[in-house]
Amino acid sequence: MTTSTRFPHATATATTAAAAADQARPAARRGSVGTRRLLACAAVAGPLWVAVSVAQALTREGFEPTRHALSQLATGSLGWLQITNFVIAGILATVGAAGLRRVMQGTAGGVAVPRLVRVVGVGMVAAGLLTMDPADAFPVGTPEGIPQSMSWHAYGHMAAGSITFASLIAAGYLFGRHFSRLGNRRLAVVSRVSATVMLAGDAWSMSGGKAGALTMAIGTTVMFTLLAYVAAHYRRTA
């Protein structure tokens, strides 16, 4: 008598389990591919924004990196380029936050960091749509100095920018805690240093320090680079 004849129920159960496993494997693969795509969005967001901003900063007439914030590129006849840059990068960061949530789940910072990155994304979209006012001789033809009054959208830009910067800095320090708990001392140190560079650059700019626009841009670039590296790091193992 064969095993299947003697134990029909056991055989049926094993067959059902095998079929379920076969169905689960493609779903798991789809989930893994989906996670990698989300993380790719997070990895691309910052470098894209920086690259497009720098390209404009080097080619827009009258723009001085030590004097004008990168956000001012959203003003003037070509302002739509930087507005679009903000919006696309913000959407990518918002989508990418979902990928970070998946791979960081159950770890230190696994809840807070993805939420902060999502806030960064939404903040970038808002900062793009709510533009600064022309100021300090940019775009060309704008009077020297800061306008005596600000528009409502300039106030909105400042608020969105402040929230975005604060969220990026907080995410950097939490990345440090996250990697420290995982025993990755190198990434823990890099994360904390990156957050500190951005914090120092923003503080210097806000205090009216010389070339404050440049220090702010450098700090933002450093933190976006960290976010891109972490997302790419987790994408390789997702």
Protein backbone atom coordinates (compact mmCIF):
# COMPACT_ATOMS: atom_id res chain seq x y z
CA MET A 1 0.00 0.00 0.00
CA THR A 2 1.44 3.40 -0.97
CA THR A 3 1.86 6.35 1.39
CA SER A 4 -0.75 8.34 -0.51
CA THR A 5 -3.27 5.50 -0.04
CA ARG A 6 -2.57 5.08 3.65
CA PHE A 7 -2.50 8.81 4.47
CA PRO A 8 -4.76 10.59 2.00
CA HIS A 9 -5.41 13.56 4.27
CA ALA A 10 -1.70 14.12 4.94
CA THR A 11 -0.95 13.96 1.23
CA ALA A 12 -3.71 16.45 0.44
CA THR A 13 -2.46 18.78 3.18
CA ALA A 14 1.10 18.62 1.86
CA THR A 15 -0.10 19.29 -1.67
CA THR A 16 -2.13 22.29 -0.52
CA ALA A 17 0.82 23.67 1.44
CA ALA A 18 3.12 23.28 -1.56
CA ALA A 19 0.62 25.05 -3.80
CA ALA A 20 0.29 27.88 -1.29
CA ALA A 21 4.07 28.21 -1.14
CA ASP A 22 4.27 28.35 -4.93
CA GLN A 23 1.70 31.15 -4.93
CA ALA A 24 3.47 33.01 -2.13
CA ARG A 25 6.86 33.07 -3.86
CA PRO A 26 5.80 35.30 -6.79
CA ALA A 27 4.01 37.59 -4.34
CA ALA A 28 7.18 37.85 -2.26
CA ARG A 29 9.21 38.61 -5.37
CA ARG A 30 6.71 41.27 -6.41
CA GLY A 31 6.90 42.78 -2.94
CA SER A 32 10.70 42.83 -3.10
CA VAL A 33 10.69 44.44 -6.54
CA GLY A 34 8.15 46.99 -5.35
CA THR A 35 10.30 47.86 -2.34
CA ARG A 36 13.38 48.31 -4.52
CA ARG A 37 11.46 50.64 -6.81
CA LEU A 38 10.29 52.72 -3.87
CA LEU A 39 13.83 52.92 -2.52
CA ALA A 40 15.07 53.94 -5.97
CA CYS A 41 12.73 56.93 -5.76
CA ALA A 42 14.24 57.90 -2.41
CA ALA A 43 17.75 57.46 -3.79
CA VAL A 44 17.10 59.64 -6.84
CA ALA A 45 15.14 62.49 -5.22
CA GLY A 46 17.99 64.42 -3.59
CA PRO A 47 20.67 64.03 -6.28
CA LEU A 48 18.15 65.01 -8.96
CA TRP A 49 17.20 68.18 -7.10
CA VAL A 50 20.83 69.09 -6.47
CA ALA A 51 21.94 68.40 -10.05
CA VAL A 52 19.15 70.44 -11.63
CA SER A 53 19.66 73.27 -9.12
CA VAL A 54 23.42 73.43 -9.71
CA ALA A 55 22.96 73.36 -13.48
CA GLN A 56 20.67 76.38 -13.22
CA ALA A 57 22.91 78.16 -10.73
CA LEU A 58 25.79 77.92 -13.18
CA THR A 59 23.80 79.10 -16.19
CA ARG A 60 21.17 81.58 -14.98
CA GLU A 61 22.29 85.14 -15.62
CA GLY A 62 22.83 87.14 -12.45
CA PHE A 63 22.69 84.20 -10.03
CA GLU A 64 25.42 84.18 -7.39
CA PRO A 65 25.63 81.02 -5.21
CA THR A 66 27.16 82.90 -2.28
CA ARG A 67 24.40 85.49 -2.37
CA HIS A 68 21.23 83.83 -3.65
CA ALA A 69 19.48 80.78 -2.22
CA LEU A 70 18.81 77.95 -4.66
CA SER A 71 15.11 78.54 -4.04
CA GLN A 72 15.41 81.90 -5.80
CA LEU A 73 15.90 80.01 -9.05
CA ALA A 74 12.11 79.52 -8.95
CA THR A 75 11.65 83.22 -9.75
CA GLY A 76 11.79 84.93 -13.11
CA SER A 77 10.86 83.72 -16.60
CA LEU A 78 12.74 80.44 -16.13
CA GLY A 79 11.43 79.90 -12.63
CA TRP A 80 9.20 77.06 -13.80
CA LEU A 81 12.31 74.87 -14.12
CA GLN A 82 13.09 75.06 -10.41
CA ILE A 83 9.42 74.82 -9.47
CA THR A 84 9.20 71.59 -11.46
CA ASN A 85 12.45 70.41 -9.91
CA PHE A 86 11.05 70.92 -6.40
CA VAL A 87 7.78 69.18 -7.19
CA ILE A 88 9.29 66.13 -8.90
CA ALA A 89 11.97 65.64 -6.25
CA GLY A 90 9.37 66.08 -3.52
CA ILE A 91 7.08 63.46 -5.04
CA LEU A 92 10.00 61.03 -5.36
CA ALA A 93 10.96 61.55 -1.71
CA THR A 94 7.37 61.10 -0.57
CA VAL A 95 7.03 57.85 -2.51
CA GLY A 96 10.47 56.70 -1.42
CA ALA A 97 9.53 57.09 2.24
CA ALA A 98 7.27 54.06 1.85
CA GLY A 99 10.27 51.98 0.84
CA LEU A 100 12.23 53.12 3.88
CA ARG A 101 9.28 52.22 6.08
CA ARG A 102 9.34 48.66 4.74
CA VAL A 103 13.06 48.03 5.19
CA MET A 104 13.42 49.85 8.53
CA GLN A 105 10.35 48.33 10.16
CA GLY A 106 11.04 47.07 13.67
CA THR A 107 14.38 48.89 14.01
CA ALA A 108 15.45 52.05 15.84
CA GLY A 109 14.00 54.99 13.92
CA GLY A 110 11.95 52.64 11.77
CA VAL A 111 8.79 54.66 12.31
CA ALA A 112 10.10 58.20 12.71
CA VAL A 113 12.60 58.31 9.83
CA PRO A 114 10.16 57.33 7.04
CA ARG A 115 7.65 59.83 8.40
CA LEU A 116 10.28 62.57 8.42
CA VAL A 117 11.31 61.74 4.86
CA ARG A 118 7.65 61.92 3.85
CA VAL A 119 7.44 65.36 5.45
CA VAL A 120 10.56 66.35 3.51
CA GLY A 121 8.88 65.29 0.28
CA VAL A 122 5.64 67.13 0.96
CA GLY A 123 7.61 70.16 2.13
CA MET A 124 9.58 70.24 -1.11
CA VAL A 125 6.41 70.17 -3.18
CA ALA A 126 4.99 73.02 -1.10
CA ALA A 127 8.25 74.99 -1.29
CA GLY A 128 8.21 74.63 -5.06
CA LEU A 129 4.65 75.79 -5.51
CA LEU A 130 5.01 78.62 -2.99
CA THR A 131 7.88 80.60 -4.49
CA MET A 132 10.15 83.21 -2.97
CA ASP A 133 9.91 86.83 -4.07
CA PRO A 134 12.53 88.26 -6.46
CA ALA A 135 15.22 89.88 -4.32
CA ASP A 136 18.80 91.07 -4.13
CA ALA A 137 19.19 91.76 -7.87
CA PHE A 138 17.89 88.36 -8.97
CA PRO A 139 16.36 87.76 -11.42
CA VAL A 140 18.17 90.38 -13.50
CA GLY A 141 16.36 93.70 -13.21
CA THR A 142 15.30 93.16 -9.60
CA PRO A 143 16.39 95.99 -7.25
CA GLU A 144 19.25 95.38 -4.83
CA GLY A 145 18.42 94.31 -1.29
CA ILE A 146 15.51 92.53 0.33
CA PRO A 147 11.92 93.70 -0.40
CA GLN A 148 10.33 95.72 2.39
CA SER A 149 7.28 93.46 2.33
CA MET A 150 6.82 89.80 1.47
CA SER A 151 4.06 88.10 -0.49
CA TRP A 152 1.91 85.38 1.06
CA HIS A 153 3.58 82.73 -1.05
CA ALA A 154 7.03 83.86 0.09
CA TYR A 155 5.91 83.38 3.70
CA GLY A 156 4.57 79.98 2.69
CA HIS A 157 7.90 79.10 1.10
CA MET A 158 9.78 80.04 4.25
CA ALA A 159 7.49 77.91 6.39
CA ALA A 160 7.71 74.92 4.05
CA GLY A 161 11.47 75.29 3.78
CA SER A 162 11.94 75.49 7.54
CA ILE A 163 9.88 72.34 8.10
CA THR A 164 11.78 70.53 5.34
CA PHE A 165 15.19 71.50 6.73
CA ALA A 166 14.24 70.55 10.29
CA SER A 167 12.90 67.19 9.12
CA LEU A 168 16.04 66.43 7.11
CA ILE A 169 18.29 67.25 10.05
CA ALA A 170 16.21 65.17 12.45
CA ALA A 171 16.23 62.25 10.00
CA GLY A 172 20.02 62.47 9.83
CA TYR A 173 20.43 62.16 13.59
CA LEU A 174 17.90 59.33 13.71
CA PHE A 175 19.78 57.54 10.93
CA GLY A 176 22.79 57.79 13.23
CA ARG A 177 20.88 56.11 16.05
CA HIS A 178 19.48 53.52 13.65
CA PHE A 179 22.86 52.43 12.32
CA SER A 180 24.46 52.60 15.75
CA ARG A 181 21.92 50.09 17.06
CA LEU A 182 22.64 47.86 14.06
CA GLY A 183 26.37 47.96 14.80
CA ASN A 184 27.25 49.92 11.65
CA ARG A 185 29.51 52.49 13.27
CA ARG A 186 30.69 54.02 9.99
CA LEU A 187 27.21 54.89 8.75
CA ALA A 188 26.21 56.02 12.24
CA VAL A 189 29.07 58.53 12.30
CA VAL A 190 28.46 59.66 8.70
CA SER A 191 24.77 60.22 9.45
CA ARG A 192 25.44 62.35 12.53
CA VAL A 193 28.17 64.36 10.82
CA SER A 194 25.92 64.99 7.80
CA ALA A 195 23.09 66.23 10.02
CA THR A 196 25.50 68.47 11.92
CA VAL A 197 26.90 69.94 8.69
CA MET A 198 23.40 70.85 7.55
CA LEU A 199 22.47 72.24 10.96
CA ALA A 200 25.62 74.38 11.05
CA GLY A 201 25.13 75.58 7.48
CA ASP A 202 21.54 76.59 8.12
CA ALA A 203 22.40 78.27 11.41
CA TRP A 204 25.19 80.26 9.75
CA SER A 205 22.88 81.33 6.96
CA MET A 206 20.04 82.29 9.30
CA SER A 207 22.44 84.38 11.41
CA GLY A 208 23.36 86.45 8.37
CA GLY A 209 26.81 84.92 8.00
CA LYS A 210 28.91 85.61 4.93
CA ALA A 211 28.04 83.35 1.96
CA GLY A 212 25.13 81.97 3.97
CA ALA A 213 23.27 80.90 0.84
CA LEU A 214 26.23 78.70 -0.10
CA THR A 215 26.58 77.11 3.34
CA MET A 216 22.86 76.30 3.30
CA ALA A 217 23.19 74.73 -0.16
CA ILE A 218 26.19 72.67 0.94
CA GLY A 219 24.42 71.39 4.05
CA THR A 220 21.33 70.44 2.06
CA THR A 221 23.45 68.66 -0.55
CA VAL A 222 25.26 66.67 2.14
CA MET A 223 22.01 65.49 3.72
CA PHE A 224 20.42 64.62 0.39
CA THR A 225 23.54 62.61 -0.42
CA LEU A 226 23.18 60.72 2.87
CA LEU A 227 19.52 59.96 2.17
CA ALA A 228 20.39 58.73 -1.31
CA TYR A 229 23.18 56.51 0.02
CA VAL A 230 21.01 54.96 2.72
CA ALA A 231 18.20 54.28 0.26
CA ALA A 232 20.64 52.72 -2.21
CA HIS A 233 22.22 50.72 0.62
CA TYR A 234 18.89 49.17 1.57
CA ARG A 235 17.85 48.74 -2.06
CA ARG A 236 20.77 46.37 -2.62
CA THR A 237 19.51 44.04 0.10
CA ALA A 238 15.73 44.43 -0.39
